[in-house]
Protein backbone atom coordinates (compact mmCIF):
# COMPACT_ATOMS: atom_id res chain seq x y z
CA MET A 1 104.30 65.96 113.46
CA SER A 2 101.86 68.69 114.94
CA ALA A 3 99.55 65.95 115.75
CA THR A 4 102.06 63.55 117.18
CA ALA A 5 102.76 66.63 119.14
CA LEU A 6 98.99 67.35 120.19
CA ALA A 7 98.10 63.63 121.03
CA PRO A 8 99.49 63.38 124.54
CA ALA A 9 98.04 66.15 124.90
CA ARG A 10 93.72 64.79 124.11
CA GLN A 11 95.25 61.98 127.12
CA PRO A 12 94.50 63.52 130.57
CA THR A 13 91.37 65.15 128.98
CA THR A 14 90.40 62.00 128.04
CA ARG A 15 90.76 60.62 131.44
CA HIS A 16 89.13 63.32 132.84
CA ARG A 17 85.97 62.47 130.58
CA ASN A 18 85.88 58.87 132.09
CA SER A 19 86.60 60.43 135.45
CA THR A 20 83.95 62.70 135.15
CA LEU A 21 81.72 60.03 133.80
CA ARG A 22 81.87 57.53 136.43
CA ARG A 23 81.38 59.81 139.27
CA ARG A 24 78.24 61.01 137.86
CA ASN A 25 77.41 57.44 137.17
CA THR A 26 78.04 56.98 141.14
CA VAL A 27 76.55 59.96 141.69
CA LEU A 28 73.96 58.77 139.69
CA GLY A 29 73.25 55.24 141.16
CA TRP A 30 73.50 56.15 144.79
CA SER A 31 70.69 58.98 143.69
CA PHE A 32 68.62 55.47 142.88
CA ILE A 33 69.54 53.81 146.27
CA ALA A 34 69.37 56.45 148.32
CA PRO A 35 65.32 57.02 149.49
CA ASN A 36 65.35 52.59 149.49
CA PHE A 37 68.84 52.51 151.77
CA VAL A 38 67.55 54.84 153.97
CA GLY A 39 64.39 54.25 154.72
CA PHE A 40 65.70 50.51 155.03
CA ALA A 41 68.33 51.58 157.81
CA LEU A 42 66.03 53.68 159.94
CA ILE A 43 62.99 51.51 159.95
CA THR A 44 65.40 48.46 159.87
CA MET A 45 68.37 48.31 160.59
CA VAL A 46 68.75 50.60 163.50
CA PRO A 47 66.10 48.97 165.02
CA ILE A 48 67.77 45.55 164.91
CA VAL A 49 70.94 47.32 166.33
CA LEU A 50 69.48 49.16 169.23
CA MET A 51 67.87 45.33 169.97
CA PHE A 52 70.73 43.79 170.10
CA TYR A 53 71.35 46.60 173.10
CA MET A 54 67.92 46.93 174.69
CA ALA A 55 68.14 42.87 175.53
CA PHE A 56 70.96 43.07 177.70
CA THR A 57 69.20 45.95 179.49
CA ASN A 58 65.67 46.78 181.61
CA TRP A 59 63.90 49.72 180.08
CA ASN A 60 60.25 50.32 180.40
CA ALA A 61 60.60 53.41 177.50
CA LEU A 62 60.05 56.23 180.08
CA THR A 63 63.63 56.16 181.99
CA PRO A 64 67.23 55.22 180.76
CA PRO A 65 68.03 52.18 180.20
CA ASN A 66 69.76 50.05 182.87
CA TRP A 67 72.33 47.36 181.83
CA THR A 68 71.58 43.66 183.56
CA GLY A 69 74.05 41.44 181.52
CA LEU A 70 72.12 38.27 180.60
CA ALA A 71 69.27 38.60 183.69
CA ASN A 72 67.13 38.95 180.87
CA PHE A 73 67.63 35.81 179.31
CA GLU A 74 67.80 33.62 182.53
CA ARG A 75 64.44 35.37 182.82
CA LEU A 76 63.27 33.67 179.62
CA THR A 77 64.28 30.32 180.58
CA ARG A 78 62.49 30.67 184.02
CA ASN A 79 59.27 31.47 182.06
CA SER A 80 56.47 29.13 181.46
CA THR A 81 55.18 30.76 178.78
CA PHE A 82 57.72 31.29 177.25
CA ARG A 83 58.77 27.89 176.89
CA ALA A 84 55.00 27.00 175.48
CA ALA A 85 55.21 29.68 173.34
CA VAL A 86 58.55 28.22 171.41
CA ALA A 87 56.96 25.03 171.67
CA GLN A 88 53.56 26.54 170.04
CA THR A 89 56.16 28.49 166.92
CA PHE A 90 57.82 24.97 166.25
CA TYR A 91 53.95 23.05 166.41
CA TYR A 92 53.28 26.12 163.75
CA ALA A 93 56.46 26.70 161.99
CA ILE A 94 57.50 22.64 160.97
CA PRO A 95 53.75 21.63 159.44
CA HIS A 96 53.35 24.48 157.93
CA ILE A 97 56.56 24.35 155.99
CA ILE A 98 55.86 21.08 154.56
CA LEU A 99 52.43 21.54 154.28
CA THR A 100 53.05 25.23 152.25
CA GLY A 101 55.65 24.10 150.42
CA VAL A 102 54.41 20.63 149.08
CA ILE A 103 50.75 22.57 147.73
CA ALA A 104 52.34 24.98 146.27
CA LEU A 105 54.82 22.54 144.26
CA ALA A 106 51.78 20.55 143.48
CA LEU A 107 50.14 23.36 141.86
CA ALA A 108 52.76 24.55 140.04
CA ILE A 109 53.44 21.58 138.45
CA LEU A 110 49.73 21.27 137.36
CA LEU A 111 49.22 24.99 135.95
CA ASN A 112 52.69 24.67 134.38
CA GLN A 113 50.39 22.36 131.79
CA LYS A 114 48.69 23.54 128.59
CA LEU A 115 45.73 23.80 130.01
CA LYS A 116 42.01 25.78 128.86
CA GLY A 117 42.36 28.93 131.79
CA VAL A 118 45.07 28.11 133.29
CA ALA A 119 45.69 31.91 133.56
CA PHE A 120 42.50 32.27 135.30
CA PHE A 121 43.42 29.69 138.11
CA ARG A 122 47.20 30.69 139.07
CA ALA A 123 45.33 34.41 139.61
CA ALA A 124 42.58 32.56 141.76
CA ALA A 125 45.42 30.62 143.81
CA PHE A 126 47.79 33.87 144.24
CA PHE A 127 44.80 35.70 145.23
CA PRO A 128 44.59 35.22 149.13
CA TYR A 129 48.42 36.53 149.58
CA ILE A 130 47.32 39.68 148.26
CA THR A 131 44.61 40.30 150.51
CA SER A 132 43.99 41.86 153.63
CA ILE A 133 45.05 39.61 156.55
CA VAL A 134 41.97 40.81 158.67
CA ALA A 135 39.46 40.06 155.81
CA ILE A 136 41.25 36.39 155.32
CA ALA A 137 40.35 36.63 159.53
CA ILE A 138 36.90 36.97 159.58
CA VAL A 139 35.90 34.84 157.00
CA TRP A 140 37.72 32.14 158.12
CA ASN A 141 36.49 32.46 161.69
CA LEU A 142 32.58 32.33 160.58
CA LEU A 143 34.12 29.29 158.33
CA PHE A 144 35.26 27.03 161.58
CA SER A 145 32.36 28.35 163.53
CA PRO A 146 31.76 25.14 165.78
CA LYS A 147 27.85 25.71 165.40
CA TYR A 148 26.94 27.91 162.34
CA GLY A 149 29.85 27.03 160.09
CA PRO A 150 29.95 25.62 157.01
CA ILE A 151 33.17 23.33 157.53
CA ASN A 152 31.65 21.67 161.07
CA GLN A 153 28.50 21.10 158.70
CA ILE A 154 29.79 19.86 155.85
CA LEU A 155 31.75 17.39 158.33
CA SER A 156 28.01 16.43 160.33
CA LEU A 157 27.08 15.02 157.00
CA LEU A 158 29.79 12.70 156.59
CA GLY A 159 29.19 10.93 159.22
CA VAL A 160 31.58 13.06 162.06
CA SER A 161 30.12 13.41 165.49
CA ASN A 162 32.83 14.89 167.56
CA LEU A 163 32.93 17.90 165.37
CA PRO A 164 36.23 19.60 166.24
CA GLY A 165 36.08 23.62 167.89
CA TRP A 166 38.77 24.65 165.61
CA THR A 167 39.49 28.50 166.78
CA VAL A 168 37.75 28.07 170.12
CA SER A 169 39.35 25.49 171.47
CA SER A 170 42.97 24.28 172.47
CA ALA A 171 43.24 21.63 171.08
CA TRP A 172 42.03 22.76 166.87
CA ALA A 173 43.10 26.41 167.29
CA MET A 174 47.00 26.01 166.32
CA PRO A 175 45.79 23.06 162.79
CA ALA A 176 43.24 26.06 162.01
CA ILE A 177 45.90 28.90 161.89
CA ILE A 178 48.35 26.42 159.77
CA ILE A 179 45.39 25.44 157.47
CA VAL A 180 44.62 29.71 156.96
CA GLY A 181 48.55 30.12 156.45
CA THR A 182 49.22 27.58 154.69
CA TRP A 183 45.91 28.55 152.32
CA ARG A 184 46.94 32.12 152.16
CA GLU A 185 50.44 31.76 151.40
CA MET A 186 50.62 28.84 149.00
CA GLY A 187 49.43 30.96 146.18
CA TYR A 188 53.00 33.38 146.30
CA TYR A 189 55.49 30.06 147.02
CA MET A 190 53.41 28.44 143.56
CA ILE A 191 54.26 31.53 141.67
CA LEU A 192 57.86 30.98 142.49
CA PHE A 193 57.78 27.37 141.57
CA LEU A 194 55.95 27.77 138.80
CA ALA A 195 58.64 30.44 137.55
CA GLY A 196 61.37 27.90 138.62
CA LEU A 197 59.58 24.99 136.24
CA GLN A 198 59.53 27.49 132.96
CA THR A 199 63.56 27.42 133.38
CA ILE A 200 64.05 23.65 133.13
CA PRO A 201 64.50 23.06 129.30
CA ARG A 202 61.49 21.20 127.70
CA GLU A 203 64.50 19.34 125.53
CA LEU A 204 64.95 16.99 129.01
CA TYR A 205 61.66 15.78 128.73
CA GLU A 206 61.34 15.09 125.95
CA ALA A 207 64.43 12.88 125.73
CA SER A 208 63.61 11.23 128.75
CA GLU A 209 60.13 10.02 127.10
CA VAL A 210 61.96 8.85 124.65
CA ASP A 211 63.95 7.02 126.54
CA GLY A 212 60.75 4.98 128.26
CA ALA A 213 60.85 7.56 131.32
CA GLY A 214 57.77 7.19 133.12
CA ALA A 215 55.99 10.57 134.80
CA TRP A 216 57.88 10.21 138.10
CA ALA A 217 60.72 8.78 137.15
CA ARG A 218 60.55 12.36 134.97
CA PHE A 219 59.90 14.52 138.34
CA LEU A 220 62.67 12.96 140.56
CA HIS A 221 64.94 13.22 138.02
CA ILE A 222 64.72 16.52 135.69
CA THR A 223 62.18 18.57 138.26
CA ILE A 224 63.63 17.59 141.50
CA PRO A 225 67.56 18.83 140.21
CA GLY A 226 65.77 21.60 138.07
CA LEU A 227 63.90 22.98 140.86
CA ARG A 228 66.78 22.68 143.34
CA PRO A 229 67.61 26.82 143.39
CA THR A 230 63.95 27.73 143.99
CA THR A 231 63.26 24.70 146.43
CA PHE A 232 66.44 26.25 148.58
CA PHE A 233 65.04 30.02 148.40
CA VAL A 234 61.40 28.95 148.84
CA THR A 235 62.44 26.55 152.24
CA VAL A 236 64.74 29.53 153.79
CA MET A 237 61.75 32.22 152.37
CA LEU A 238 58.99 29.94 153.78
CA ALA A 239 61.10 29.14 156.71
CA ILE A 240 61.44 32.62 157.98
CA GLN A 241 58.14 34.10 157.53
CA SER A 242 57.10 30.72 159.56
CA PHE A 243 58.80 31.17 162.72
CA LYS A 244 57.71 34.85 163.06
CA VAL A 245 54.51 34.59 162.23
CA PHE A 246 52.34 37.08 164.35
CA ASP A 247 49.38 38.92 162.60
CA LEU A 248 47.73 35.56 161.46
CA ILE A 249 47.78 34.58 165.17
CA GLN A 250 46.76 37.98 166.66
CA VAL A 251 43.77 39.09 164.47
CA MET A 252 42.15 35.22 164.75
CA THR A 253 43.13 33.81 168.47
CA ASP A 254 44.69 36.78 169.82
CA GLY A 255 46.86 33.92 171.21
CA GLY A 256 44.51 31.73 172.55
CA PRO A 257 42.09 29.78 174.15
CA GLY A 258 44.54 29.79 176.60
CA THR A 259 48.33 29.84 175.28
CA SER A 260 47.20 27.10 172.65
CA THR A 261 48.51 29.87 169.67
CA TYR A 262 50.70 31.68 172.16
CA VAL A 263 53.93 32.11 169.88
CA ILE A 264 56.87 33.59 170.31
CA SER A 265 56.25 37.05 167.98
CA TYR A 266 53.05 37.54 170.07
CA PHE A 267 55.27 36.95 173.20
CA ILE A 268 57.31 39.81 172.16
CA TYR A 269 54.06 41.62 171.22
CA GLN A 270 52.45 40.57 175.09
CA LYS A 271 55.97 42.46 176.42
CA SER A 272 56.02 45.64 174.98
CA ILE A 273 53.37 47.36 173.79
CA GLY A 274 50.70 44.34 173.54
CA ILE A 275 47.45 45.72 175.11
CA SER A 276 44.42 43.85 175.35
CA ALA A 277 41.52 42.31 177.65
CA ASN A 278 43.21 40.01 179.42
CA ASN A 279 47.02 41.81 179.75
CA PRO A 280 47.45 46.04 180.01
CA GLY A 281 50.92 45.20 178.09
CA THR A 282 53.62 45.72 180.45
CA GLY A 283 56.20 48.04 178.58
CA GLU A 284 59.21 45.54 179.37
CA PHE A 285 61.12 46.27 176.48
CA GLY A 286 64.23 44.91 177.32
CA TYR A 287 62.80 41.63 178.25
CA ALA A 288 60.90 41.87 175.22
CA SER A 289 64.16 42.55 173.16
CA ALA A 290 65.87 39.35 175.09
CA ALA A 291 62.83 37.54 173.26
CA SER A 292 63.29 38.68 169.78
CA LEU A 293 67.03 38.27 170.25
CA VAL A 294 65.97 34.41 170.61
CA LEU A 295 63.94 34.53 167.77
CA PHE A 296 66.10 36.07 165.56
CA PHE A 297 68.82 33.28 166.26
CA ILE A 298 66.47 30.73 165.38
CA CYS A 299 65.63 32.13 162.17
CA LEU A 300 69.54 32.07 161.98
CA THR A 301 70.14 29.07 162.90
CA VAL A 302 67.79 27.63 160.65
CA THR A 303 68.87 29.60 157.78
CA ILE A 304 72.33 27.89 158.40
CA VAL A 305 71.53 24.91 158.46
CA GLN A 306 69.99 25.11 155.22
CA PHE A 307 72.78 26.74 153.33
CA ILE A 308 75.06 24.61 154.39
CA VAL A 309 72.88 21.30 153.43
CA ASN A 310 72.33 22.67 150.51
CA GLN A 311 75.99 23.49 150.21
CA GLN A 312 76.59 19.74 150.38
CA SER A 313 74.31 18.60 147.94
CA ASP A 314 76.09 20.74 145.51
CA LEU A 315 79.74 19.17 146.46
CA ALA A 316 80.69 15.46 144.89
CA LYS A 317 82.32 15.04 148.70
CA PRO A 318 81.13 16.30 152.18
CA SER A 319 82.93 18.92 153.42
CA TRP A 320 83.69 17.81 157.05
CA SER A 321 83.96 22.21 158.08
CA SER A 322 80.58 21.80 158.58
CA ILE A 323 81.32 19.96 161.64
CA PRO A 324 82.08 22.74 163.93
CA MET A 325 79.17 24.29 163.37
CA ILE A 326 77.22 21.65 164.03
CA VAL A 327 78.78 20.35 167.34
CA GLY A 328 78.76 24.36 168.10
CA MET A 329 75.26 24.33 167.64
CA VAL A 330 75.34 21.48 170.37
CA CYS A 331 77.14 23.98 172.61
CA PHE A 332 74.37 26.75 172.54
CA ALA A 333 71.51 24.61 173.25
CA LEU A 334 74.24 23.16 176.29
CA ALA A 335 74.50 26.69 177.51
CA ALA A 336 70.40 26.75 177.41
CA TYR A 337 70.22 23.97 179.25
CA SER A 338 72.49 25.75 181.34
CA PHE A 339 70.07 28.50 182.79
CA CYS A 340 67.65 25.99 182.72
CA ALA A 341 69.88 23.91 185.32
CA ASN A 342 71.00 26.72 187.58
CA GLN A 343 74.62 25.74 186.61
CA THR A 344 77.38 28.64 187.94
CA LEU A 345 78.46 31.17 185.62
CA GLY A 346 81.63 29.63 184.53
CA VAL A 347 79.73 26.87 183.06
CA LYS A 348 77.49 28.83 181.19
CA TYR A 349 80.27 31.04 179.85
CA LEU A 350 82.69 28.08 178.89
CA TRP A 351 79.49 26.59 176.64
CA TYR A 352 79.82 29.89 174.92
CA LEU A 353 82.88 30.22 174.54
CA LEU A 354 82.84 26.58 172.82
CA ALA A 355 80.63 27.35 170.77
CA PHE A 356 81.94 31.14 169.51
CA VAL A 357 85.36 28.87 168.55
CA LEU A 358 83.57 26.55 167.44
CA CYS A 359 80.93 28.02 165.17
CA PHE A 360 84.66 30.74 163.87
CA ALA A 361 86.25 27.40 163.33
CA PHE A 362 83.15 26.69 160.95
CA THR A 363 83.59 29.99 159.48
CA ILE A 364 87.37 30.02 158.42
CA GLY A 365 87.00 25.78 157.18
CA HIS A 366 83.95 25.97 155.34
CA THR A 367 85.09 29.31 153.27
CA ASN A 368 88.50 27.55 152.38
CA ALA A 369 86.17 24.37 151.12
CA LEU A 370 83.75 27.12 149.22
CA ARG A 371 87.44 28.65 148.02
CA ARG A 372 89.21 24.92 146.72
CA ARG A 373 85.57 24.19 144.91
CA GLN A 374 85.99 27.34 143.06
CA GLU A 375 89.57 27.07 142.56
């Protein structure tokens, strides 16, 4: 009877102990997260939030910001240098994404075999990614030297008469940057593909061989489907990294010759703090923030499209909820065109309103589609 009377008295003590343990685990967890989170918030999140505000102001870092509305964006649409920078950014990004992804996948498949010294070749392929970008640029500039570089000497021995000028030629500077960027980054994405390949069960390949499937059939029907999550991650990261390219261009060509390698990131740099022989730096941080916002929405749009394509391929039937987003992107493009065509302010805001409504409809419809899929 005394034991029965004491049992209820122990329950509050147990609940209190569990509550204390949960509280201590929460504090311990936040103590591990806090250093990195504080650094991320101060160095990344706060500047991003400020960028959204500064894009609509005129600010030179010396005087208080002056609200200008959409004036910076209208100025961007009239700036031929910025339009050339957008074109050069896509010129770099599209070939770089394709070449890096294909070569990284081919290397991963090759180095996934049981070959002698495979660990050395994996490390050798990954090594350029962790090498100093300045050292890489200096070495490749020597290799690309039109008169004394070994690349042109080899091409001359092969009978090529019209040798490329590489980084000193406006026609060959961007292909040279693409080659170096692909060579530097293919090792990193090779490691990601290699990790994805090793998650595919070997039994699938063995069963397909028993059924008489060839190497190409196994690649199409086993390797590619098995690598879908890895491929999605690689394409998203590679696309964002390609559109934000800056350091390689800054060190190798400094945006030249002319504007042949003048990308959006370099435009932002020059309009804010960039100092060179030809540009003393304008300090137009509001204008540079507007260009940064354009680059942000380009990366966001590419990422959203990749998410849509990936999720559509997961569904047995296509989801019509993607249509509002696609139409919304078209409206954004028409809004940008209206700025270039000097349309009235009402027409500009009408396109933006339609784009917002359609993108909001996409969000609701796509969320409902995913919920129905989970159910």
